[in-house]
Amino acid sequence: MSARDTAAIADEPRASAIRLVGASERDSIVASHLEKYLPALGLASIGPRTWIDDSCPPVKRMFELSLVKGAQLRARWGFSLDFVPHISGGRVRWHRSGRSAMLDVIVEPGPKVLPRASFIHGTAKLHEDLDRLLPLAVKRAKETWRRGATEGGMVELVREIRDQHTNEFPFEFYTQLPLAYSFLLARLRDLASAESELDRYTLPRRLDDEVVSKLKELAREYASRVGRK
C-alpha cells in the first residue's frame, strides 16, 4: 500500500469516531426535528425533549425523547392523567400542571422494535438517526393516542403492555403504569380489581400505611362516581 493510500484511509471519517454532541446543541437539534411533527398534532414543548397536549383535562397526551446509556435517545409516549398521583418522599403527590406532567400510561418500545438516536458520533449522525426514528415513533404514538381516547381504551392498552410485554421493561418495573391501571379500573367502577392491583403495587414497595390508605380511599372515591367508558 502506498503512502498516499495510507494517508487517504487515515483521513476518512470513521463511523465509530466519538464526537459527543453537547447537551445544549443536542437539545436544539432534537427540538428542530420534533417541531416538524408535534405542533401539528396539538402538542407543545414543556422542556428539553418533552411535549404535551393539555387541552383535554384530565388527560394529557405526551411524547418524550429520554436519555439512555451510551449517549442515546429513546422515544416514549402515552398519557399523563390528572387523577393518578405519584409517591414522592413517602407522600401521595400530584402532577396535574402542564410543567409537572409525567407519563402514567407509558408506551416505551425496546430497541429491537424502534431505533434509537445517538449523539456520541457527531451532529450529522444525530440528524440522520432522528430522521429515521421520529416518523416511526410519531406514527406509533398517534395510534396509541387514538386507542387511548377513552379510559376503557387506556385499560386495554395497559393490559396489552402487561400481558404481551410490548414495552422495553416488564410491567412491574414502571412506577406509574401499575398505579394508572389501578385508578383507571376504579374510575370504570371495577373497585375489586382496582384494590387488588393496588395491593399488588403497594406490598412489594412497603409503603407507609397512611399512603396505602390514601391510595385506596382515592380508588373508592373514583369508583363511587358515575361510570365511564
Protein backbone atom coordinates (compact mmCIF):
# COMPACT_ATOMS: atom_id res chain seq x y z
CA MET A 1 0.00 0.00 0.00
CA SER A 2 1.41 3.39 -0.98
CA ALA A 3 1.94 6.26 1.44
CA ARG A 4 -0.84 8.15 -0.38
CA ASP A 5 -3.31 5.30 0.14
CA THR A 6 -2.38 5.08 3.80
CA ALA A 7 -2.94 8.80 4.26
CA ALA A 8 -6.30 8.66 2.46
CA ILE A 9 -7.53 5.89 4.74
CA ALA A 10 -6.36 7.79 7.81
CA ASP A 11 -8.27 10.87 6.67
CA GLU A 12 -11.55 9.01 6.16
CA PRO A 13 -14.14 9.82 8.84
CA ARG A 14 -14.85 6.77 10.92
CA ALA A 15 -18.41 5.84 11.87
CA SER A 16 -17.13 4.83 15.28
CA ALA A 17 -15.31 8.12 15.99
CA ILE A 18 -16.51 9.66 19.23
CA ARG A 19 -17.74 13.23 18.77
CA LEU A 20 -20.12 13.77 21.67
CA VAL A 21 -22.72 16.43 20.98
CA GLY A 22 -23.09 18.83 23.90
CA ALA A 23 -26.39 18.99 25.78
CA SER A 24 -27.43 22.41 24.51
CA GLU A 25 -26.68 21.64 20.85
CA ARG A 26 -28.22 18.18 21.18
CA ASP A 27 -31.49 19.53 22.56
CA SER A 28 -31.59 22.27 19.92
CA ILE A 29 -31.25 19.66 17.17
CA VAL A 30 -33.90 17.46 18.80
CA ALA A 31 -36.29 20.41 19.08
CA SER A 32 -35.85 21.26 15.39
CA HIS A 33 -36.86 17.72 14.47
CA LEU A 34 -39.79 17.44 16.91
CA GLU A 35 -41.16 20.73 15.59
CA LYS A 36 -41.68 19.05 12.24
CA TYR A 37 -44.23 16.64 13.73
CA LEU A 38 -45.72 17.52 17.10
CA PRO A 39 -47.21 21.05 16.81
CA ALA A 40 -49.47 19.81 14.01
CA LEU A 41 -50.77 17.17 16.43
CA GLY A 42 -51.62 19.74 19.10
CA LEU A 43 -48.56 19.22 21.31
CA ALA A 44 -46.33 21.94 22.73
CA SER A 45 -42.89 21.80 24.30
CA ILE A 46 -42.66 21.96 28.10
CA GLY A 47 -38.94 21.31 28.37
CA PRO A 48 -35.99 19.65 26.66
CA ARG A 49 -37.33 16.74 24.61
CA THR A 50 -40.79 16.67 26.30
CA TRP A 51 -44.03 17.73 24.61
CA ILE A 52 -47.63 17.62 25.81
CA ASP A 53 -51.19 18.40 24.81
CA ASP A 54 -53.11 19.59 27.87
CA SER A 55 -56.21 20.77 26.03
CA CYS A 56 -58.44 17.92 27.25
CA PRO A 57 -58.14 17.50 31.02
CA PRO A 58 -57.92 15.27 32.97
CA VAL A 59 -55.86 13.59 30.24
CA LYS A 60 -52.68 14.96 28.69
CA ARG A 61 -51.08 13.36 25.67
CA MET A 62 -47.29 13.23 25.99
CA PHE A 63 -44.27 12.49 23.82
CA GLU A 64 -40.68 12.32 25.08
CA LEU A 65 -37.19 11.56 23.93
CA SER A 66 -35.45 10.32 27.06
CA LEU A 67 -31.72 9.96 27.65
CA VAL A 68 -30.36 6.43 27.99
CA LYS A 69 -26.94 4.87 28.47
CA GLY A 70 -24.48 5.12 25.64
CA ALA A 71 -25.39 8.72 24.77
CA GLN A 72 -28.63 7.68 23.10
CA LEU A 73 -32.19 8.96 22.91
CA ARG A 74 -35.22 6.69 23.30
CA ALA A 75 -38.74 7.64 22.19
CA ARG A 76 -41.64 7.06 24.55
CA TRP A 77 -45.16 8.42 24.73
CA GLY A 78 -48.59 7.98 26.26
CA PHE A 79 -50.77 9.85 28.73
CA SER A 80 -50.37 11.88 31.89
CA LEU A 81 -53.54 11.55 34.00
CA ASP A 82 -54.64 14.22 36.48
CA PHE A 83 -56.41 11.61 38.63
CA VAL A 84 -53.32 9.41 39.09
CA PRO A 85 -50.96 10.51 41.88
CA HIS A 86 -47.33 9.61 42.36
CA ILE A 87 -45.42 8.72 45.51
CA SER A 88 -42.54 11.00 46.44
CA GLY A 89 -40.84 11.45 49.78
CA GLY A 90 -43.19 8.91 51.31
CA ARG A 91 -46.24 11.00 50.45
CA VAL A 92 -49.02 10.99 47.86
CA ARG A 93 -48.39 13.85 45.46
CA TRP A 94 -49.87 15.13 42.20
CA HIS A 95 -48.54 16.13 38.78
CA ARG A 96 -51.56 17.90 37.35
CA SER A 97 -49.96 21.03 35.89
CA GLY A 98 -48.51 21.12 32.41
CA ARG A 99 -45.00 21.63 33.70
CA SER A 100 -45.17 18.77 36.21
CA ALA A 101 -46.83 16.24 33.90
CA MET A 102 -45.33 12.76 33.80
CA LEU A 103 -46.16 9.64 31.84
CA ASP A 104 -48.67 7.48 33.72
CA VAL A 105 -49.70 5.29 30.80
CA ILE A 106 -46.34 4.85 29.11
CA VAL A 107 -45.52 3.16 25.81
CA GLU A 108 -41.79 2.52 25.53
CA PRO A 109 -40.79 0.06 22.79
CA GLY A 110 -37.39 -1.60 23.02
CA PRO A 111 -34.55 -1.05 20.54
CA LYS A 112 -35.48 -4.15 18.53
CA VAL A 113 -38.82 -2.51 17.75
CA LEU A 114 -37.86 1.15 17.45
CA PRO A 115 -34.40 2.54 16.65
CA ARG A 116 -32.62 4.96 18.94
CA ALA A 117 -30.81 8.17 18.14
CA SER A 118 -27.16 8.53 19.09
CA PHE A 119 -25.45 11.80 19.98
CA ILE A 120 -21.99 10.36 20.52
CA HIS A 121 -20.94 10.35 16.83
CA GLY A 122 -21.47 14.00 15.92
CA THR A 123 -24.33 16.17 14.75
CA ALA A 124 -24.69 14.65 11.27
CA LYS A 125 -25.28 11.20 12.76
CA LEU A 126 -27.79 12.64 15.25
CA HIS A 127 -29.75 14.28 12.44
CA GLU A 128 -29.68 11.05 10.47
CA ASP A 129 -30.87 8.99 13.42
CA LEU A 130 -33.70 11.38 14.24
CA ASP A 131 -34.83 11.35 10.61
CA ARG A 132 -35.12 7.57 10.90
CA LEU A 133 -36.60 7.40 14.41
CA LEU A 134 -39.23 10.11 14.58
CA PRO A 135 -41.51 9.20 11.65
CA LEU A 136 -41.82 5.68 13.09
CA ALA A 137 -42.26 6.83 16.68
CA VAL A 138 -44.82 9.53 15.89
CA LYS A 139 -46.85 7.09 13.79
CA ARG A 140 -46.96 4.67 16.72
CA ALA A 141 -47.76 7.47 19.16
CA LYS A 142 -50.73 8.58 17.08
CA GLU A 143 -52.10 5.05 17.16
CA THR A 144 -51.64 4.90 20.94
CA TRP A 145 -53.48 8.20 21.41
CA ARG A 146 -56.26 7.02 19.13
CA ARG A 147 -56.71 3.77 21.03
CA GLY A 148 -56.50 5.53 24.39
CA ALA A 149 -59.10 8.16 23.57
CA THR A 150 -61.34 6.65 26.29
CA GLU A 151 -60.49 5.36 29.74
CA GLY A 152 -61.64 1.92 28.68
CA GLY A 153 -59.26 2.15 25.74
CA MET A 154 -56.40 3.05 28.07
CA VAL A 155 -57.16 -0.01 30.21
CA GLU A 156 -56.85 -2.20 27.12
CA LEU A 157 -53.55 -0.53 26.24
CA VAL A 158 -52.15 -1.19 29.71
CA ARG A 159 -53.30 -4.82 29.62
CA GLU A 160 -51.58 -5.26 26.28
CA ILE A 161 -48.35 -3.81 27.68
CA ARG A 162 -48.57 -6.08 30.72
CA ASP A 163 -49.66 -9.30 29.05
CA GLN A 164 -47.78 -9.09 25.75
CA HIS A 165 -44.62 -7.46 27.17
CA THR A 166 -44.60 -4.79 24.49
CA ASN A 167 -42.56 -2.26 26.49
CA GLU A 168 -38.81 -2.43 26.85
CA PHE A 169 -39.11 -3.28 30.55
CA PRO A 170 -41.55 -5.51 32.50
CA PHE A 171 -44.84 -4.02 33.66
CA GLU A 172 -43.78 -4.07 37.33
CA PHE A 173 -40.63 -2.07 36.55
CA TYR A 174 -42.67 1.07 35.91
CA THR A 175 -43.67 3.22 38.86
CA GLN A 176 -46.69 4.92 37.32
CA LEU A 177 -48.07 2.30 34.95
CA PRO A 178 -49.48 -0.04 37.65
CA LEU A 179 -50.91 2.95 39.53
CA ALA A 180 -52.57 4.24 36.38
CA TYR A 181 -54.07 0.79 35.77
CA SER A 182 -55.48 0.67 39.29
CA PHE A 183 -57.16 4.06 39.13
CA LEU A 184 -58.46 3.56 35.61
CA LEU A 185 -60.16 0.37 36.84
CA ALA A 186 -61.60 2.28 39.78
CA ARG A 187 -62.99 5.00 37.53
CA LEU A 188 -64.62 2.27 35.45
CA ARG A 189 -66.26 1.08 38.69
CA ASP A 190 -64.32 -2.15 38.97
CA LEU A 191 -63.31 -1.49 42.56
CA ALA A 192 -62.44 -5.10 43.41
CA SER A 193 -59.88 -5.28 40.60
CA ALA A 194 -58.60 -1.79 41.39
CA GLU A 195 -57.94 -2.69 45.03
CA SER A 196 -56.34 -5.97 44.02
CA GLU A 197 -53.98 -4.12 41.69
CA LEU A 198 -53.20 -1.58 44.41
CA ASP A 199 -52.27 -4.43 46.77
CA ARG A 200 -50.01 -5.85 44.08
CA TYR A 201 -48.41 -2.42 43.72
CA THR A 202 -48.05 -1.39 47.37
CA LEU A 203 -46.98 -4.61 49.14
CA PRO A 204 -43.58 -5.09 47.45
CA ARG A 205 -42.80 -1.39 47.90
CA ARG A 206 -43.52 -1.45 51.65
CA LEU A 207 -45.30 1.89 51.59
CA ASP A 208 -46.46 3.53 54.79
CA ASP A 209 -49.93 2.57 55.95
CA GLU A 210 -51.03 6.18 55.58
CA VAL A 211 -50.01 6.20 51.91
CA VAL A 212 -51.73 2.87 51.23
CA SER A 213 -54.86 4.09 52.99
CA LYS A 214 -54.88 7.27 50.90
CA LEU A 215 -54.50 5.35 47.64
CA LYS A 216 -57.37 3.02 48.49
CA GLU A 217 -59.50 5.94 49.62
CA LEU A 218 -58.96 7.55 46.21
CA ALA A 219 -59.90 4.31 44.46
CA ARG A 220 -63.14 4.06 46.43
CA GLU A 221 -63.91 7.70 45.71
CA TYR A 222 -63.40 7.21 41.97
CA ALA A 223 -65.45 4.02 41.90
CA SER A 224 -68.38 5.74 43.61
CA ARG A 225 -68.73 8.28 40.82
CA VAL A 226 -70.69 7.84 37.60
CA GLY A 227 -69.13 5.12 35.46
CA ARG A 228 -67.05 5.97 32.42
CA LYS A 229 -66.41 4.18 29.16
